Amino acid sequence: MIGADIEGTICSRAQCRAEAVWVIEWRNPRLHAPDRRKQWAACAEHVRYLHDFLAARDFPVSVHAVDAVDAARNAS
């Protein structure tokens, strides 16, 4: 997903085929440098589940609308 338009991407939740409307950025501090962020795509139904899954492991996590992430990428 990195470096590509996110619009049209499907949800990262297992067996979900819904279109993603959210991007969840996260990192595992034990493995990733502070400037590295991984991204999961999420549909409206699964955004809270995926966020909570990562937050329960004390991973830094943030959620952004797909439109906002695509717009920021296209502006740079």
C-alpha atoms as a PDB file:
ATOM      1  CA  MET A   1       0.000   0.000   0.000  1.00  0.00           C
ATOM      2  CA  ILE A   2       2.899   2.389   0.644  1.00  0.00           C
ATOM      3  CA  GLY A   3       3.488   4.736  -2.252  1.00  0.00           C
ATOM      4  CA  ALA A   4       0.215   3.837  -4.001  1.00  0.00           C
ATOM      5  CA  ASP A   5      -3.218   5.426  -3.942  1.00  0.00           C
ATOM      6  CA  ILE A   6      -5.203   3.911  -1.119  1.00  0.00           C
ATOM      7  CA  GLU A   7      -8.587   4.641  -2.663  1.00  0.00           C
ATOM      8  CA  GLY A   8     -10.125   1.386  -3.878  1.00  0.00           C
ATOM      9  CA  THR A   9      -8.123  -0.715  -1.403  1.00  0.00           C
ATOM     10  CA  ILE A  10      -9.958  -3.438   0.495  1.00  0.00           C
ATOM     11  CA  CYS A  11     -10.096  -3.777   4.268  1.00  0.00           C
ATOM     12  CA  SER A  12      -7.171  -5.514   5.996  1.00  0.00           C
ATOM     13  CA  ARG A  13      -9.462  -7.504   8.318  1.00  0.00           C
ATOM     14  CA  ALA A  14      -9.310 -11.215   7.486  1.00  0.00           C
ATOM     15  CA  GLN A  15     -12.002 -12.306   5.018  1.00  0.00           C
ATOM     16  CA  CYS A  16     -13.417  -8.781   4.639  1.00  0.00           C
ATOM     17  CA  ARG A  17     -13.811  -7.590   1.048  1.00  0.00           C
ATOM     18  CA  ALA A  18     -15.303  -4.162   1.806  1.00  0.00           C
ATOM     19  CA  GLU A  19     -13.674  -1.025   0.448  1.00  0.00           C
ATOM     20  CA  ALA A  20     -11.389   0.718   2.926  1.00  0.00           C
ATOM     21  CA  VAL A  21     -12.345   4.214   4.048  1.00  0.00           C
ATOM     22  CA  TRP A  22      -9.778   4.476   6.869  1.00  0.00           C
ATOM     23  CA  VAL A  23      -6.001   4.073   7.105  1.00  0.00           C
ATOM     24  CA  ILE A  24      -4.555   2.825  10.374  1.00  0.00           C
ATOM     25  CA  GLU A  25      -0.898   3.789  10.844  1.00  0.00           C
ATOM     26  CA  TRP A  26       1.023   1.892  13.476  1.00  0.00           C
ATOM     27  CA  ARG A  27       4.402   0.551  14.513  1.00  0.00           C
ATOM     28  CA  ASN A  28       5.788  -2.067  16.852  1.00  0.00           C
ATOM     29  CA  PRO A  29       8.317  -0.136  18.978  1.00  0.00           C
ATOM     30  CA  ARG A  30      10.287  -3.317  19.682  1.00  0.00           C
ATOM     31  CA  LEU A  31      10.867  -3.885  15.952  1.00  0.00           C
ATOM     32  CA  HIS A  32      10.446  -0.600  14.091  1.00  0.00           C
ATOM     33  CA  ALA A  33      12.444   2.630  14.227  1.00  0.00           C
ATOM     34  CA  PRO A  34      10.451   5.652  15.468  1.00  0.00           C
ATOM     35  CA  ASP A  35      10.157   7.057  11.931  1.00  0.00           C
ATOM     36  CA  ARG A  36       8.771   3.837  10.411  1.00  0.00           C
ATOM     37  CA  ARG A  37       5.001   3.405  10.151  1.00  0.00           C
ATOM     38  CA  LYS A  38       3.065   0.435   8.837  1.00  0.00           C
ATOM     39  CA  GLN A  39      -0.383   0.897   7.340  1.00  0.00           C
ATOM     40  CA  TRP A  40      -3.526  -1.165   7.403  1.00  0.00           C
ATOM     41  CA  ALA A  41      -6.646  -0.301   5.445  1.00  0.00           C
ATOM     42  CA  ALA A  42     -10.001  -0.539   7.206  1.00  0.00           C
ATOM     43  CA  CYS A  43     -13.651  -0.405   6.262  1.00  0.00           C
ATOM     44  CA  ALA A  44     -16.121   1.475   8.465  1.00  0.00           C
ATOM     45  CA  GLU A  45     -17.205  -1.764  10.159  1.00  0.00           C
ATOM     46  CA  HIS A  46     -13.686  -2.906  11.165  1.00  0.00           C
ATOM     47  CA  VAL A  47     -11.762   0.304  11.891  1.00  0.00           C
ATOM     48  CA  ARG A  48     -12.459   0.132  15.655  1.00  0.00           C
ATOM     49  CA  TYR A  49     -11.610  -3.596  15.823  1.00  0.00           C
ATOM     50  CA  LEU A  50      -8.268  -3.163  14.041  1.00  0.00           C
ATOM     51  CA  HIS A  51      -7.397  -0.051  16.073  1.00  0.00           C
ATOM     52  CA  ASP A  52      -8.203  -1.788  19.352  1.00  0.00           C
ATOM     53  CA  PHE A  53      -6.211  -4.885  18.326  1.00  0.00           C
ATOM     54  CA  LEU A  54      -3.081  -2.750  17.894  1.00  0.00           C
ATOM     55  CA  ALA A  55      -3.719  -0.475  20.886  1.00  0.00           C
ATOM     56  CA  ALA A  56      -4.126  -3.513  23.181  1.00  0.00           C
ATOM     57  CA  ARG A  57      -0.504  -4.377  22.364  1.00  0.00           C
ATOM     58  CA  ASP A  58       0.618  -0.831  23.287  1.00  0.00           C
ATOM     59  CA  PHE A  59       1.584  -0.046  19.693  1.00  0.00           C
ATOM     60  CA  PRO A  60       1.480   3.634  18.724  1.00  0.00           C
ATOM     61  CA  VAL A  61      -1.536   3.846  16.417  1.00  0.00           C
ATOM     62  CA  SER A  62      -3.428   6.585  14.575  1.00  0.00           C
ATOM     63  CA  VAL A  63      -6.417   6.547  12.232  1.00  0.00           C
ATOM     64  CA  HIS A  64      -6.900   8.772   9.176  1.00  0.00           C
ATOM     65  CA  ALA A  65      -9.522   8.969   6.448  1.00  0.00           C
ATOM     66  CA  VAL A  66      -8.399   7.466   3.122  1.00  0.00           C
ATOM     67  CA  ASP A  67      -9.257  10.728   1.341  1.00  0.00           C
ATOM     68  CA  ALA A  68      -6.976  12.728   3.662  1.00  0.00           C
ATOM     69  CA  VAL A  69      -4.046  10.333   3.207  1.00  0.00           C
ATOM     70  CA  ASP A  70      -4.434  10.276  -0.597  1.00  0.00           C
ATOM     71  CA  ALA A  71      -4.685  14.094  -0.704  1.00  0.00           C
ATOM     72  CA  ALA A  72      -1.537  14.479   1.412  1.00  0.00           C
ATOM     73  CA  ARG A  73       0.372  12.083  -0.845  1.00  0.00           C
ATOM     74  CA  ASN A  74      -0.762  13.831  -4.010  1.00  0.00           C
ATOM     75  CA  ALA A  75       0.262  17.219  -2.586  1.00  0.00           C
ATOM     76  CA  SER A  76       3.871  16.139  -1.979  1.00  0.00           C
END
